[in-house]
Amino acid sequence: MPLNDLKKELKKLDKENLIELIADLYKKNKSVKEYFDFYVNPDEKIVQHKKRLNRNL
């Protein structure tokens, strides 16, 4: 589905349905969870990433 079609469909949803859709994506998809975790708290994600890098040294 082209991005424009997706945007049109999303615009039809009310706020409650958008929140539910995003919450379902967050629970079901690891990359979505990581994206929103970083979106909400970017500094925390950077700290975690640096800790992982240090452990691998």
PDB file of N, CA and C in Angstrom:
ATOM      1  N   MET A   1       0.853  -1.180   0.000  1.00  0.00           N
ATOM      2  CA  MET A   1       0.000   0.000   0.000  1.00  0.00           C
ATOM      3  C   MET A   1       0.891   1.234   0.000  1.00  0.00           C
ATOM      4  N   PRO A   2       0.627   2.137  -0.887  1.00  0.00           N
ATOM      5  CA  PRO A   2       1.405   3.391  -0.895  1.00  0.00           C
ATOM      6  C   PRO A   2       1.175   4.193   0.392  1.00  0.00           C
ATOM      7  N   LEU A   3       2.164   4.951   0.773  1.00  0.00           N
ATOM      8  CA  LEU A   3       2.098   5.748   1.991  1.00  0.00           C
ATOM      9  C   LEU A   3       0.915   6.713   1.971  1.00  0.00           C
ATOM     10  N   ASN A   4       0.641   7.322   0.845  1.00  0.00           N
ATOM     11  CA  ASN A   4      -0.488   8.258   0.758  1.00  0.00           C
ATOM     12  C   ASN A   4      -1.816   7.570   1.066  1.00  0.00           C
ATOM     13  N   ASP A   5      -1.989   6.333   0.596  1.00  0.00           N
ATOM     14  CA  ASP A   5      -3.213   5.586   0.889  1.00  0.00           C
ATOM     15  C   ASP A   5      -3.314   5.289   2.381  1.00  0.00           C
ATOM     16  N   LEU A   6      -2.200   4.929   2.980  1.00  0.00           N
ATOM     17  CA  LEU A   6      -2.191   4.666   4.418  1.00  0.00           C
ATOM     18  C   LEU A   6      -2.577   5.925   5.197  1.00  0.00           C
ATOM     19  N   LYS A   7      -2.010   7.053   4.817  1.00  0.00           N
ATOM     20  CA  LYS A   7      -2.325   8.316   5.496  1.00  0.00           C
ATOM     21  C   LYS A   7      -3.810   8.650   5.384  1.00  0.00           C
ATOM     22  N   LYS A   8      -4.395   8.417   4.224  1.00  0.00           N
ATOM     23  CA  LYS A   8      -5.823   8.683   4.041  1.00  0.00           C
ATOM     24  C   LYS A   8      -6.655   7.824   4.990  1.00  0.00           C
ATOM     25  N   GLU A   9      -6.282   6.560   5.118  1.00  0.00           N
ATOM     26  CA  GLU A   9      -7.023   5.659   6.007  1.00  0.00           C
ATOM     27  C   GLU A   9      -6.847   6.051   7.471  1.00  0.00           C
ATOM     28  N   LEU A  10      -5.633   6.434   7.836  1.00  0.00           N
ATOM     29  CA  LEU A  10      -5.377   6.836   9.222  1.00  0.00           C
ATOM     30  C   LEU A  10      -6.137   8.109   9.587  1.00  0.00           C
ATOM     31  N   LYS A  11      -6.300   9.009   8.641  1.00  0.00           N
ATOM     32  CA  LYS A  11      -7.036  10.255   8.894  1.00  0.00           C
ATOM     33  C   LYS A  11      -8.507   9.999   9.190  1.00  0.00           C
ATOM     34  N   LYS A  12      -9.019   8.854   8.766  1.00  0.00           N
ATOM     35  CA  LYS A  12     -10.412   8.499   9.022  1.00  0.00           C
ATOM     36  C   LYS A  12     -10.636   8.045  10.467  1.00  0.00           C
ATOM     37  N   LEU A  13      -9.557   7.647  11.147  1.00  0.00           N
ATOM     38  CA  LEU A  13      -9.675   7.131  12.514  1.00  0.00           C
ATOM     39  C   LEU A  13      -9.738   8.265  13.525  1.00  0.00           C
ATOM     40  N   ASP A  14     -10.490   8.055  14.590  1.00  0.00           N
ATOM     41  CA  ASP A  14     -10.496   9.043  15.661  1.00  0.00           C
ATOM     42  C   ASP A  14      -9.292   8.789  16.584  1.00  0.00           C
ATOM     43  N   LYS A  15      -9.097   9.692  17.500  1.00  0.00           N
ATOM     44  CA  LYS A  15      -7.926   9.634  18.385  1.00  0.00           C
ATOM     45  C   LYS A  15      -7.849   8.310  19.146  1.00  0.00           C
ATOM     46  N   GLU A  16      -8.974   7.867  19.670  1.00  0.00           N
ATOM     47  CA  GLU A  16      -9.020   6.619  20.451  1.00  0.00           C
ATOM     48  C   GLU A  16      -8.557   5.415  19.617  1.00  0.00           C
ATOM     49  N   ASN A  17      -9.029   5.338  18.379  1.00  0.00           N
ATOM     50  CA  ASN A  17      -8.640   4.229  17.505  1.00  0.00           C
ATOM     51  C   ASN A  17      -7.175   4.309  17.102  1.00  0.00           C
ATOM     52  N   LEU A  18      -6.661   5.519  16.892  1.00  0.00           N
ATOM     53  CA  LEU A  18      -5.242   5.675  16.580  1.00  0.00           C
ATOM     54  C   LEU A  18      -4.372   5.207  17.745  1.00  0.00           C
ATOM     55  N   ILE A  19      -4.773   5.569  18.965  1.00  0.00           N
ATOM     56  CA  ILE A  19      -4.022   5.149  20.144  1.00  0.00           C
ATOM     57  C   ILE A  19      -4.038   3.630  20.258  1.00  0.00           C
ATOM     58  N   GLU A  20      -5.188   3.024  20.029  1.00  0.00           N
ATOM     59  CA  GLU A  20      -5.303   1.566  20.101  1.00  0.00           C
ATOM     60  C   GLU A  20      -4.431   0.891  19.038  1.00  0.00           C
ATOM     61  N   LEU A  21      -4.432   1.428  17.837  1.00  0.00           N
ATOM     62  CA  LEU A  21      -3.630   0.882  16.751  1.00  0.00           C
ATOM     63  C   LEU A  21      -2.141   0.958  17.075  1.00  0.00           C
ATOM     64  N   ILE A  22      -1.695   2.101  17.559  1.00  0.00           N
ATOM     65  CA  ILE A  22      -0.280   2.272  17.910  1.00  0.00           C
ATOM     66  C   ILE A  22       0.100   1.358  19.073  1.00  0.00           C
ATOM     67  N   ALA A  23      -0.787   1.225  20.056  1.00  0.00           N
ATOM     68  CA  ALA A  23      -0.505   0.343  21.191  1.00  0.00           C
ATOM     69  C   ALA A  23      -0.380  -1.107  20.733  1.00  0.00           C
ATOM     70  N   ASP A  24      -1.239  -1.543  19.813  1.00  0.00           N
ATOM     71  CA  ASP A  24      -1.136  -2.903  19.281  1.00  0.00           C
ATOM     72  C   ASP A  24       0.178  -3.111  18.538  1.00  0.00           C
ATOM     73  N   LEU A  25       0.564  -2.144  17.721  1.00  0.00           N
ATOM     74  CA  LEU A  25       1.845  -2.227  17.016  1.00  0.00           C
ATOM     75  C   LEU A  25       3.008  -2.292  17.999  1.00  0.00           C
ATOM     76  N   TYR A  26       2.936  -1.482  19.038  1.00  0.00           N
ATOM     77  CA  TYR A  26       3.977  -1.427  20.067  1.00  0.00           C
ATOM     78  C   TYR A  26       4.143  -2.792  20.734  1.00  0.00           C
ATOM     79  N   LYS A  27       3.029  -3.459  21.034  1.00  0.00           N
ATOM     80  CA  LYS A  27       3.081  -4.747  21.710  1.00  0.00           C
ATOM     81  C   LYS A  27       3.557  -5.874  20.797  1.00  0.00           C
ATOM     82  N   LYS A  28       3.266  -5.780  19.516  1.00  0.00           N
ATOM     83  CA  LYS A  28       3.484  -6.904  18.599  1.00  0.00           C
ATOM     84  C   LYS A  28       4.768  -6.832  17.782  1.00  0.00           C
ATOM     85  N   ASN A  29       5.419  -5.680  17.757  1.00  0.00           N
ATOM     86  CA  ASN A  29       6.564  -5.514  16.867  1.00  0.00           C
ATOM     87  C   ASN A  29       7.731  -4.889  17.624  1.00  0.00           C
ATOM     88  N   LYS A  30       8.822  -5.624  17.730  1.00  0.00           N
ATOM     89  CA  LYS A  30       9.977  -5.161  18.506  1.00  0.00           C
ATOM     90  C   LYS A  30      10.560  -3.858  17.957  1.00  0.00           C
ATOM     91  N   SER A  31      10.656  -3.740  16.645  1.00  0.00           N
ATOM     92  CA  SER A  31      11.244  -2.522  16.077  1.00  0.00           C
ATOM     93  C   SER A  31      10.350  -1.304  16.325  1.00  0.00           C
ATOM     94  N   VAL A  32       9.036  -1.496  16.317  1.00  0.00           N
ATOM     95  CA  VAL A  32       8.120  -0.396  16.633  1.00  0.00           C
ATOM     96  C   VAL A  32       8.302   0.010  18.093  1.00  0.00           C
ATOM     97  N   LYS A  33       8.421  -0.987  18.971  1.00  0.00           N
ATOM     98  CA  LYS A  33       8.633  -0.708  20.401  1.00  0.00           C
ATOM     99  C   LYS A  33       9.918   0.096  20.599  1.00  0.00           C
ATOM    100  N   GLU A  34      10.994  -0.330  19.956  1.00  0.00           N
ATOM    101  CA  GLU A  34      12.258   0.387  20.084  1.00  0.00           C
ATOM    102  C   GLU A  34      12.138   1.813  19.555  1.00  0.00           C
ATOM    103  N   TYR A  35      11.446   1.979  18.432  1.00  0.00           N
ATOM    104  CA  TYR A  35      11.267   3.311  17.855  1.00  0.00           C
ATOM    105  C   TYR A  35      10.529   4.229  18.830  1.00  0.00           C
ATOM    106  N   PHE A  36       9.411   3.760  19.382  1.00  0.00           N
ATOM    107  CA  PHE A  36       8.641   4.606  20.284  1.00  0.00           C
ATOM    108  C   PHE A  36       9.335   4.801  21.623  1.00  0.00           C
ATOM    109  N   ASP A  37      10.082   3.803  22.087  1.00  0.00           N
ATOM    110  CA  ASP A  37      10.868   3.985  23.310  1.00  0.00           C
ATOM    111  C   ASP A  37      11.867   5.124  23.113  1.00  0.00           C
ATOM    112  N   PHE A  38      12.517   5.143  21.964  1.00  0.00           N
ATOM    113  CA  PHE A  38      13.466   6.213  21.663  1.00  0.00           C
ATOM    114  C   PHE A  38      12.744   7.546  21.467  1.00  0.00           C
ATOM    115  N   TYR A  39      11.599   7.518  20.808  1.00  0.00           N
ATOM    116  CA  TYR A  39      10.822   8.734  20.558  1.00  0.00           C
ATOM    117  C   TYR A  39      10.405   9.397  21.868  1.00  0.00           C
ATOM    118  N   VAL A  40       9.982   8.571  22.834  1.00  0.00           N
ATOM    119  CA  VAL A  40       9.515   9.091  24.112  1.00  0.00           C
ATOM    120  C   VAL A  40      10.673   9.531  24.996  1.00  0.00           C
ATOM    121  N   ASN A  41      11.772   8.785  24.961  1.00  0.00           N
ATOM    122  CA  ASN A  41      12.891   9.081  25.851  1.00  0.00           C
ATOM    123  C   ASN A  41      14.218   8.837  25.117  1.00  0.00           C
ATOM    124  N   PRO A  42      14.619   9.745  24.236  1.00  0.00           N
ATOM    125  CA  PRO A  42      15.814   9.517  23.407  1.00  0.00           C
ATOM    126  C   PRO A  42      17.104   9.397  24.208  1.00  0.00           C
ATOM    127  N   ASP A  43      17.248  10.130  25.290  1.00  0.00           N
ATOM    128  CA  ASP A  43      18.489  10.071  26.056  1.00  0.00           C
ATOM    129  C   ASP A  43      18.678   8.693  26.680  1.00  0.00           C
ATOM    130  N   GLU A  44      17.610   8.090  27.161  1.00  0.00           N
ATOM    131  CA  GLU A  44      17.688   6.764  27.778  1.00  0.00           C
ATOM    132  C   GLU A  44      18.151   5.728  26.756  1.00  0.00           C
ATOM    133  N   LYS A  45      17.678   5.808  25.541  1.00  0.00           N
ATOM    134  CA  LYS A  45      18.062   4.858  24.492  1.00  0.00           C
ATOM    135  C   LYS A  45      19.550   4.988  24.178  1.00  0.00           C
ATOM    136  N   ILE A  46      20.074   6.203  24.151  1.00  0.00           N
ATOM    137  CA  ILE A  46      21.491   6.416  23.884  1.00  0.00           C
ATOM    138  C   ILE A  46      22.326   5.798  25.003  1.00  0.00           C
ATOM    139  N   VAL A  47      21.907   5.980  26.233  1.00  0.00           N
ATOM    140  CA  VAL A  47      22.630   5.409  27.378  1.00  0.00           C
ATOM    141  C   VAL A  47      22.637   3.892  27.276  1.00  0.00           C
ATOM    142  N   GLN A  48      21.504   3.282  26.968  1.00  0.00           N
ATOM    143  CA  GLN A  48      21.437   1.826  26.850  1.00  0.00           C
ATOM    144  C   GLN A  48      22.335   1.328  25.726  1.00  0.00           C
ATOM    145  N   HIS A  49      22.336   2.036  24.616  1.00  0.00           N
ATOM    146  CA  HIS A  49      23.172   1.640  23.487  1.00  0.00           C
ATOM    147  C   HIS A  49      24.658   1.694  23.865  1.00  0.00           C
ATOM    148  N   LYS A  50      25.068   2.749  24.538  1.00  0.00           N
ATOM    149  CA  LYS A  50      26.470   2.862  24.957  1.00  0.00           C
ATOM    150  C   LYS A  50      26.842   1.751  25.931  1.00  0.00           C
ATOM    151  N   LYS A  51      25.929   1.385  26.826  1.00  0.00           N
ATOM    152  CA  LYS A  51      26.199   0.298  27.772  1.00  0.00           C
ATOM    153  C   LYS A  51      26.416  -1.013  27.013  1.00  0.00           C
ATOM    154  N   ARG A  52      25.584  -1.259  26.005  1.00  0.00           N
ATOM    155  CA  ARG A  52      25.750  -2.476  25.201  1.00  0.00           C
ATOM    156  C   ARG A  52      27.089  -2.475  24.482  1.00  0.00           C
ATOM    157  N   LEU A  53      27.484  -1.339  23.955  1.00  0.00           N
ATOM    158  CA  LEU A  53      28.769  -1.257  23.262  1.00  0.00           C
ATOM    159  C   LEU A  53      29.923  -1.536  24.223  1.00  0.00           C
ATOM    160  N   ASN A  54      29.849  -0.984  25.431  1.00  0.00           N
ATOM    161  CA  ASN A  54      30.904  -1.199  26.418  1.00  0.00           C
ATOM    162  C   ASN A  54      30.993  -2.653  26.834  1.00  0.00           C
ATOM    163  N   ARG A  55      29.880  -3.343  26.940  1.00  0.00           N
ATOM    164  CA  ARG A  55      29.880  -4.763  27.315  1.00  0.00           C
ATOM    165  C   ARG A  55      30.533  -5.614  26.231  1.00  0.00           C
ATOM    166  N   ASN A  56      30.436  -5.179  24.995  1.00  0.00           N
ATOM    167  CA  ASN A  56      30.981  -5.953  23.876  1.00  0.00           C
ATOM    168  C   ASN A  56      32.480  -5.743  23.692  1.00  0.00           C
ATOM    169  N   LEU A  57      33.064  -4.809  24.409  1.00  0.00           N
ATOM    170  CA  LEU A  57      34.504  -4.541  24.256  1.00  0.00           C
ATOM    171  C   LEU A  57      35.331  -5.533  25.001  1.00  0.00           C
TER     172      LEU A  57
END
